[in-house]
């Protein structure tokens, strides 16, 4: 029989699983790694107004998080990788074997373009001899007619620079990894130099595409906390039809990997990972830690991946207006939702002036239901100061 819970219990469950409510579940660099493992992947975006999206995602959850910790996990410890998943993403390198089918399709895609295999061999020889390269430093001149198989750049490039095309192809093939980034510029090196051979050659734990699809659906449910079996931006990067999604849900439920919940006032059932049943019991019994914290959420935060679900549970509408013409924006260019306790209480627009080491607080908008008390004001001030320090700023304007 499907269990029924209240909207408030659903909110507490999601926020507690996200590590956004009560005592911090994650601390320091190890905590950052553990959160990414829990989420499966976090989205990367290069725009840096007051921190990049992945950094802000971790800053809101991980006590003592610093930007260098993510760089270390990616480019020194190699516990995380930049790769395709939910668009541009960061995920645990231990999941590398699951995406072998994706890499194999990428290889076949590249081989279909005349001249690409020969240029790939030339690039590999150069990188093996000289080390990390970017598209500006790889000495392969000219342009080619080519397009990438990456989810975020799967459009045609007429006369694409050959060096960039070859590096992107080898990257999607899994031959290259991102060695480091300088601003938004990517430097590549051979994956075999940084990931263990046993990991690179490990067989895919999923015996077929249906199993892989179910694995990814399960992982996205875990990333959000609760998800419904509906069309959703939470599935971005997963190529599947509604029928395939239905089959994946049915398979996961039949195996006991996920469990349905009915939330009062919401028409469609929501699904949770069965591994999270102890947390649900703690929420339902009133034993879960729900002490309020105030945090700013990243624009592409995993909790926000299904905007319709957020609206259904919190009566909160959020749209990332970075690509909206300025005259049509309701709020601002880079606006962060504010969560306080179990509620989404507003949003904030802030920008780091790193030259003068000042965080410019442009605006705060509160939701109509938010009670603007002295306690809330102090919580906002404290969170703004933390955001300033996170961005290397000494003062808030």
Protein backbone atom coordinates (compact mmCIF):
# COMPACT_ATOMS: atom_id res chain seq x y z
CA UNK A 1 0.00 0.00 0.00
CA UNK A 2 1.36 3.43 -0.95
CA UNK A 3 2.25 5.61 2.03
CA UNK A 4 0.76 9.12 2.24
CA UNK A 5 2.74 12.02 3.69
CA UNK A 6 2.06 15.73 4.11
CA UNK A 7 3.60 18.51 2.03
CA UNK A 8 5.62 19.66 5.06
CA UNK A 9 6.98 16.15 5.56
CA UNK A 10 7.95 16.00 1.87
CA UNK A 11 9.76 19.33 2.19
CA UNK A 12 11.64 18.19 5.29
CA UNK A 13 12.58 14.91 3.63
CA UNK A 14 13.99 16.58 0.50
CA UNK A 15 15.84 19.32 2.39
CA UNK A 16 17.31 16.96 4.95
CA UNK A 17 18.48 14.56 2.26
CA UNK A 18 19.98 17.48 0.38
CA UNK A 19 21.91 18.52 3.48
CA UNK A 20 20.17 21.91 3.54
CA UNK A 21 18.24 21.54 6.80
CA UNK A 22 19.48 20.94 10.32
CA UNK A 23 23.08 20.23 11.24
CA UNK A 24 25.50 20.04 8.31
CA UNK A 25 25.80 16.50 6.95
CA UNK A 26 28.93 17.35 4.95
CA UNK A 27 32.17 19.02 6.04
CA UNK A 28 35.35 19.95 4.17
CA UNK A 29 36.77 18.35 1.06
CA UNK A 30 35.69 14.86 2.03
CA UNK A 31 32.18 16.18 2.60
CA UNK A 32 32.16 17.76 -0.86
CA UNK A 33 33.11 14.42 -2.38
CA UNK A 34 30.48 12.58 -0.36
CA UNK A 35 27.77 15.00 -1.46
CA UNK A 36 28.64 14.58 -5.16
CA UNK A 37 28.51 10.81 -4.66
CA UNK A 38 25.10 11.18 -3.05
CA UNK A 39 23.79 13.39 -5.85
CA UNK A 40 25.41 11.33 -8.62
CA UNK A 41 26.31 14.47 -10.52
CA UNK A 42 26.23 18.23 -10.13
CA UNK A 43 25.96 20.58 -13.05
CA UNK A 44 28.89 22.68 -14.22
CA UNK A 45 28.46 26.12 -15.73
CA UNK A 46 31.41 28.45 -16.42
CA UNK A 47 29.59 31.71 -15.53
CA UNK A 48 31.12 33.17 -12.36
CA UNK A 49 29.18 36.08 -10.88
CA UNK A 50 29.46 35.12 -7.21
CA UNK A 51 30.84 31.62 -7.67
CA UNK A 52 30.31 29.02 -10.41
CA UNK A 53 27.21 26.83 -10.26
CA UNK A 54 29.03 23.70 -9.02
CA UNK A 55 30.88 25.71 -6.38
CA UNK A 56 27.67 27.33 -5.13
CA UNK A 57 25.97 23.93 -5.00
CA UNK A 58 28.66 22.68 -2.64
CA UNK A 59 28.99 25.92 -0.67
CA UNK A 60 25.35 25.70 0.42
CA UNK A 61 25.78 22.19 1.83
CA UNK A 62 29.37 21.65 2.84
CA UNK A 63 30.60 23.28 6.01
CA UNK A 64 33.93 25.00 5.43
CA UNK A 65 33.86 24.44 1.67
CA UNK A 66 36.41 26.37 -0.39
CA UNK A 67 36.67 26.56 -4.18
CA UNK A 68 40.10 24.95 -4.18
CA UNK A 69 38.58 21.80 -2.69
CA UNK A 70 36.61 21.15 -5.87
CA UNK A 71 39.68 21.82 -8.02
CA UNK A 72 41.65 19.36 -5.92
CA UNK A 73 38.98 16.67 -6.18
CA UNK A 74 38.87 17.13 -9.96
CA UNK A 75 42.46 17.76 -10.97
CA UNK A 76 44.71 16.52 -8.17
CA UNK A 77 42.90 13.68 -6.40
CA UNK A 78 40.97 12.68 -9.56
CA UNK A 79 38.06 11.45 -7.45
CA UNK A 80 35.73 13.51 -9.65
CA UNK A 81 35.62 14.05 -13.41
CA UNK A 82 34.14 16.68 -15.75
CA UNK A 83 32.06 14.85 -18.29
CA UNK A 84 28.65 14.62 -19.87
CA UNK A 85 25.72 13.52 -17.74
CA UNK A 86 23.09 16.15 -16.99
CA UNK A 87 24.53 18.44 -19.64
CA UNK A 88 27.94 19.73 -18.46
CA UNK A 89 28.47 17.85 -15.21
CA UNK A 90 30.85 16.79 -12.49
CA UNK A 91 30.53 13.26 -11.16
CA UNK A 92 32.53 10.56 -9.29
CA UNK A 93 35.25 8.95 -11.38
CA UNK A 94 34.23 5.60 -9.87
CA UNK A 95 31.17 5.76 -12.17
CA UNK A 96 33.38 5.76 -15.28
CA UNK A 97 32.53 2.14 -16.29
CA UNK A 98 28.80 2.90 -16.44
CA UNK A 99 29.31 5.31 -19.36
CA UNK A 100 31.32 2.92 -21.54
CA UNK A 101 28.45 2.57 -24.00
CA UNK A 102 28.26 6.34 -24.38
CA UNK A 103 31.99 6.50 -25.11
CA UNK A 104 31.75 3.65 -27.62
CA UNK A 105 29.02 5.50 -29.50
CA UNK A 106 31.20 8.60 -29.46
CA UNK A 107 34.08 6.67 -31.04
CA UNK A 108 31.80 5.38 -33.78
CA UNK A 109 30.48 8.91 -34.32
CA UNK A 110 34.00 10.33 -34.71
CA UNK A 111 35.11 7.58 -37.07
CA UNK A 112 32.26 8.53 -39.39
CA UNK A 113 33.96 11.86 -40.19
CA UNK A 114 36.68 11.72 -42.80
CA UNK A 115 40.06 12.73 -41.46
CA UNK A 116 39.17 12.63 -37.76
CA UNK A 117 40.94 9.30 -36.92
CA UNK A 118 44.19 10.52 -38.50
CA UNK A 119 44.03 13.83 -36.64
CA UNK A 120 43.27 11.99 -33.41
CA UNK A 121 46.42 9.90 -33.75
CA UNK A 122 48.44 13.07 -34.42
CA UNK A 123 46.98 14.78 -31.35
CA UNK A 124 47.61 11.78 -29.08
CA UNK A 125 51.25 11.58 -30.18
CA UNK A 126 51.73 15.29 -29.51
CA UNK A 127 50.09 15.16 -26.07
CA UNK A 128 52.08 12.08 -25.10
CA UNK A 129 55.28 13.94 -25.97
CA UNK A 130 54.43 17.43 -24.68
CA UNK A 131 51.78 17.07 -21.99
CA UNK A 132 48.51 18.99 -21.49
CA UNK A 133 47.20 21.11 -24.37
CA UNK A 134 44.31 23.43 -25.13
CA UNK A 135 42.77 24.07 -28.51
CA UNK A 136 45.07 27.12 -28.76
CA UNK A 137 48.27 25.19 -28.10
CA UNK A 138 47.68 21.97 -30.05
CA UNK A 139 49.53 22.49 -33.36
CA UNK A 140 46.86 21.11 -35.67
CA UNK A 141 45.96 23.90 -38.10
CA UNK A 142 42.98 24.35 -40.32
CA UNK A 143 39.26 23.73 -40.01
CA UNK A 144 37.00 20.75 -40.61
CA UNK A 145 33.28 20.19 -41.04
CA UNK A 146 32.35 18.37 -37.84
CA UNK A 147 30.03 18.29 -34.87
CA UNK A 148 30.46 16.93 -31.37
CA UNK A 149 28.37 14.12 -29.92
CA UNK A 150 28.34 15.87 -26.53
CA UNK A 151 24.83 16.57 -25.28
CA UNK A 152 25.49 20.28 -24.84
CA UNK A 153 27.13 20.84 -28.21
CA UNK A 154 25.39 18.37 -30.50
CA UNK A 155 24.86 20.91 -33.25
CA UNK A 156 26.67 21.30 -36.54
CA UNK A 157 29.88 23.31 -36.65
CA UNK A 158 30.71 24.56 -40.12
CA UNK A 159 34.45 24.91 -40.53
CA UNK A 160 35.16 24.15 -36.89
CA UNK A 161 38.82 24.62 -35.87
CA UNK A 162 40.47 21.26 -36.32
CA UNK A 163 42.39 21.38 -33.02
CA UNK A 164 39.25 22.06 -30.99
CA UNK A 165 37.25 19.44 -32.88
CA UNK A 166 39.84 16.71 -32.34
CA UNK A 167 40.25 17.50 -28.63
CA UNK A 168 36.49 17.45 -28.05
CA UNK A 169 36.16 14.18 -29.93
CA UNK A 170 38.95 12.50 -27.94
CA UNK A 171 37.40 13.86 -24.76
CA UNK A 172 33.97 12.38 -25.51
CA UNK A 173 35.70 9.15 -26.53
CA UNK A 174 37.22 8.99 -23.04
CA UNK A 175 40.79 9.07 -24.38
CA UNK A 176 41.38 12.53 -22.87
CA UNK A 177 40.41 14.09 -19.57
CA UNK A 178 40.35 17.74 -18.62
CA UNK A 179 43.73 18.27 -16.98
CA UNK A 180 42.81 21.70 -15.62
CA UNK A 181 40.96 24.87 -16.54
CA UNK A 182 42.27 28.39 -16.86
CA UNK A 183 39.17 30.51 -16.63
CA UNK A 184 36.85 28.88 -19.16
CA UNK A 185 39.72 27.46 -21.24
CA UNK A 186 40.11 23.69 -20.95
CA UNK A 187 43.47 21.90 -21.03
CA UNK A 188 43.41 18.20 -21.91
CA UNK A 189 45.69 15.27 -21.18
CA UNK A 190 45.56 11.49 -21.61
CA UNK A 191 43.07 9.75 -19.31
CA UNK A 192 45.46 6.81 -18.89
CA UNK A 193 47.86 9.06 -16.95
CA UNK A 194 45.31 9.91 -14.24
CA UNK A 195 42.74 7.15 -13.89
CA UNK A 196 43.70 3.59 -12.88
CA UNK A 197 43.90 1.09 -15.72
CA UNK A 198 41.51 -1.18 -13.83
CA UNK A 199 38.91 1.61 -13.86
CA UNK A 200 39.43 2.54 -17.51
CA UNK A 201 39.04 -1.06 -18.66
CA UNK A 202 36.37 -2.17 -16.18
CA UNK A 203 33.29 -3.72 -17.80
CA UNK A 204 30.03 -1.80 -17.66
CA UNK A 205 28.07 -2.99 -14.58
CA UNK A 206 24.89 -2.59 -16.67
CA UNK A 207 24.52 -5.54 -19.07
CA UNK A 208 22.22 -3.68 -21.49
CA UNK A 209 20.81 -0.24 -22.32
CA UNK A 210 17.65 -0.85 -20.30
CA UNK A 211 19.72 -1.51 -17.18
CA UNK A 212 21.82 1.61 -17.80
CA UNK A 213 18.68 3.69 -18.26
CA UNK A 214 17.23 2.39 -14.98
CA UNK A 215 20.53 3.14 -13.22
CA UNK A 216 20.46 6.73 -14.45
CA UNK A 217 16.80 7.22 -13.53
CA UNK A 218 17.49 5.91 -10.04
CA UNK A 219 20.45 8.26 -9.73
CA UNK A 220 18.38 11.30 -10.74
CA UNK A 221 15.68 10.41 -8.19
CA UNK A 222 18.40 10.30 -5.55
CA UNK A 223 19.85 13.62 -6.71
CA UNK A 224 16.55 15.46 -6.14
CA UNK A 225 15.27 13.34 -3.25
CA UNK A 226 11.71 12.89 -4.51
CA UNK A 227 10.70 12.81 -8.18
CA UNK A 228 7.60 11.97 -10.11
CA UNK A 229 7.33 9.87 -13.25
CA UNK A 230 6.65 12.81 -15.52
CA UNK A 231 8.39 14.80 -18.22
CA UNK A 232 10.95 16.90 -16.39
CA UNK A 233 14.19 18.83 -16.74
CA UNK A 234 15.52 16.39 -14.14
CA UNK A 235 15.96 13.93 -17.04
CA UNK A 236 18.08 16.25 -19.21
CA UNK A 237 20.98 14.41 -20.76
CA UNK A 238 19.13 11.07 -20.71
CA UNK A 239 17.81 10.10 -24.11
CA UNK A 240 14.57 8.23 -23.43
CA UNK A 241 10.98 8.18 -24.58
CA UNK A 242 8.04 8.36 -22.14
CA UNK A 243 7.59 4.61 -22.66
CA UNK A 244 11.23 3.95 -21.77
CA UNK A 245 10.88 6.10 -18.67
CA UNK A 246 7.77 4.18 -17.64
CA UNK A 247 9.63 0.91 -18.09
CA UNK A 248 12.59 2.15 -16.03
CA UNK A 249 10.32 3.21 -13.17
CA UNK A 250 8.46 -0.11 -13.28
CA UNK A 251 11.73 -2.02 -13.25
CA UNK A 252 13.11 -0.05 -10.31
CA UNK A 253 9.91 -0.37 -8.30
CA UNK A 254 9.63 -4.11 -8.98
CA UNK A 255 13.21 -4.63 -7.82
CA UNK A 256 12.61 -2.65 -4.63
CA UNK A 257 15.13 0.05 -5.57
CA UNK A 258 12.54 2.84 -5.36
CA UNK A 259 9.29 3.30 -3.45
CA UNK A 260 6.24 5.46 -4.27
CA UNK A 261 4.78 8.06 -1.92
CA UNK A 262 1.54 9.99 -2.12
CA UNK A 263 1.91 13.60 -1.01
CA UNK A 264 -1.29 15.25 0.15
CA UNK A 265 -2.61 17.69 -2.44
CA UNK A 266 -0.34 16.44 -5.24
CA UNK A 267 -1.98 14.41 -7.97
CA UNK A 268 0.98 12.32 -9.07
CA UNK A 269 2.91 9.92 -6.81
CA UNK A 270 6.48 10.83 -5.97
CA UNK A 271 9.27 8.29 -5.80
CA UNK A 272 12.15 7.96 -3.35
CA UNK A 273 15.13 5.64 -3.10
CA UNK A 274 14.32 2.71 -0.86
CA UNK A 275 17.72 3.27 0.77
CA UNK A 276 16.25 6.51 2.18
CA UNK A 277 13.47 4.81 4.15
CA UNK A 278 15.27 5.38 7.50
CA UNK A 279 15.34 9.12 6.78
CA UNK A 280 11.64 9.08 5.92
CA UNK A 281 10.87 7.30 9.18
CA UNK A 282 12.88 9.92 11.09
CA UNK A 283 10.91 12.71 9.40
CA UNK A 284 7.55 11.06 10.05
CA UNK A 285 8.37 10.37 13.71
CA UNK A 286 9.63 13.92 14.30
CA UNK A 287 13.16 12.69 15.06
CA UNK A 288 14.86 14.29 12.04
CA UNK A 289 17.06 17.32 12.65
CA UNK A 290 15.10 20.23 11.17
CA UNK A 291 16.85 23.15 12.84
CA UNK A 292 16.63 26.09 10.40
CA UNK A 293 19.59 27.19 8.31
CA UNK A 294 19.62 29.91 5.68
CA UNK A 295 21.37 28.98 2.45
CA UNK A 296 21.55 30.37 -1.09
CA UNK A 297 20.93 27.81 -3.83
CA UNK A 298 22.80 27.65 -7.13
CA UNK A 299 20.71 28.36 -10.27
CA UNK A 300 21.17 24.74 -11.45
CA UNK A 301 21.06 23.19 -7.98
CA UNK A 302 19.95 19.51 -7.98
CA UNK A 303 17.05 20.37 -5.70
CA UNK A 304 15.74 22.73 -8.41
CA UNK A 305 16.03 20.35 -11.35
CA UNK A 306 12.26 19.88 -11.52
CA UNK A 307 10.86 23.41 -11.35
CA UNK A 308 7.24 22.19 -11.59
CA UNK A 309 7.77 19.96 -8.57
CA UNK A 310 9.28 22.88 -6.65
CA UNK A 311 6.24 24.96 -7.47
CA UNK A 312 3.88 22.15 -6.43
CA UNK A 313 5.56 21.64 -3.06
CA UNK A 314 6.74 25.15 -2.18
CA UNK A 315 4.47 27.40 -4.28
CA UNK A 316 7.73 28.98 -5.46
CA UNK A 317 8.50 29.82 -9.08
CA UNK A 318 12.10 30.07 -10.17
CA UNK A 319 13.46 30.79 -13.62
CA UNK A 320 17.15 31.31 -14.35
CA UNK A 321 17.03 34.59 -16.25
CA UNK A 322 20.65 34.69 -17.38
CA UNK A 323 19.58 34.19 -21.01
CA UNK A 324 16.47 36.37 -20.74
CA UNK A 325 16.77 39.84 -22.34
CA UNK A 326 17.29 42.41 -19.60
CA UNK A 327 14.04 44.22 -20.31
CA UNK A 328 12.09 40.99 -19.83
CA UNK A 329 13.71 39.89 -16.57
CA UNK A 330 11.47 39.82 -13.52
CA UNK A 331 14.40 39.69 -11.10
CA UNK A 332 17.98 39.74 -12.38
CA UNK A 333 20.85 38.26 -14.39
CA UNK A 334 22.18 35.83 -11.75
CA UNK A 335 19.72 35.31 -8.93
CA UNK A 336 20.02 32.70 -6.16
CA UNK A 337 16.97 31.23 -4.38
CA UNK A 338 17.00 31.50 -0.57
CA UNK A 339 16.01 28.54 1.61
CA UNK A 340 15.39 29.12 5.32
CA UNK A 341 14.31 26.18 7.43
CA UNK A 342 11.90 24.20 5.30
CA UNK A 343 10.75 27.11 3.15
CA UNK A 344 11.95 28.89 0.03
CA UNK A 345 11.59 32.46 1.30
CA UNK A 346 12.95 34.61 -1.51
CA UNK A 347 15.91 35.23 -3.76
CA UNK A 348 19.04 37.32 -3.81
CA UNK A 349 21.19 38.95 -6.49
CA UNK A 350 24.83 39.46 -5.60
CA UNK A 351 28.01 39.95 -7.61
CA UNK A 352 31.64 39.70 -6.51
CA UNK A 353 33.86 42.67 -7.36
CA UNK A 354 37.09 40.73 -6.91
CA UNK A 355 39.33 43.62 -7.90
CA UNK A 356 38.12 45.66 -4.93
CA UNK A 357 37.31 42.56 -2.85
CA UNK A 358 33.71 43.64 -2.37
CA UNK A 359 30.51 41.64 -2.65
CA UNK A 360 27.89 43.86 -4.27
CA UNK A 361 24.46 43.03 -2.88
CA UNK A 362 22.17 44.23 -5.66
CA UNK A 363 18.78 43.16 -4.38
CA UNK A 364 16.82 40.84 -2.12
CA UNK A 365 13.27 39.79 -2.93
CA UNK A 366 11.15 38.06 -0.27
CA UNK A 367 8.20 35.81 -0.97
CA UNK A 368 4.83 37.21 0.17
CA UNK A 369 4.52 34.55 2.89
CA UNK A 370 7.99 35.21 4.35
CA UNK A 371 7.84 36.86 7.80
CA UNK A 372 10.62 39.45 7.82
CA UNK A 373 11.66 39.15 11.46
CA UNK A 374 14.85 40.27 13.17
CA UNK A 375 15.88 36.61 13.36
CA UNK A 376 15.48 36.26 9.60
CA UNK A 377 17.41 39.49 8.98
CA UNK A 378 20.31 38.22 11.09
CA UNK A 379 20.28 34.90 9.24
CA UNK A 380 20.38 36.66 5.86
CA UNK A 381 23.21 38.95 6.99
CA UNK A 382 25.23 35.96 8.19
CA UNK A 383 24.69 34.08 4.92
CA UNK A 384 25.68 37.14 2.86
CA UNK A 385 28.89 37.50 4.87
CA UNK A 386 29.67 33.83 4.24
CA UNK A 387 29.07 34.33 0.52
CA UNK A 388 31.43 37.31 0.60
CA UNK A 389 34.21 35.35 2.31
CA UNK A 390 33.62 32.46 -0.10
CA UNK A 391 34.36 34.85 -2.97
CA UNK A 392 37.43 36.36 -1.31
CA UNK A 393 35.63 39.63 -0.49
CA UNK A 394 36.33 41.67 2.64
CA UNK A 395 33.17 43.76 2.64
CA UNK A 396 29.58 43.85 1.44
CA UNK A 397 28.19 46.86 -0.42
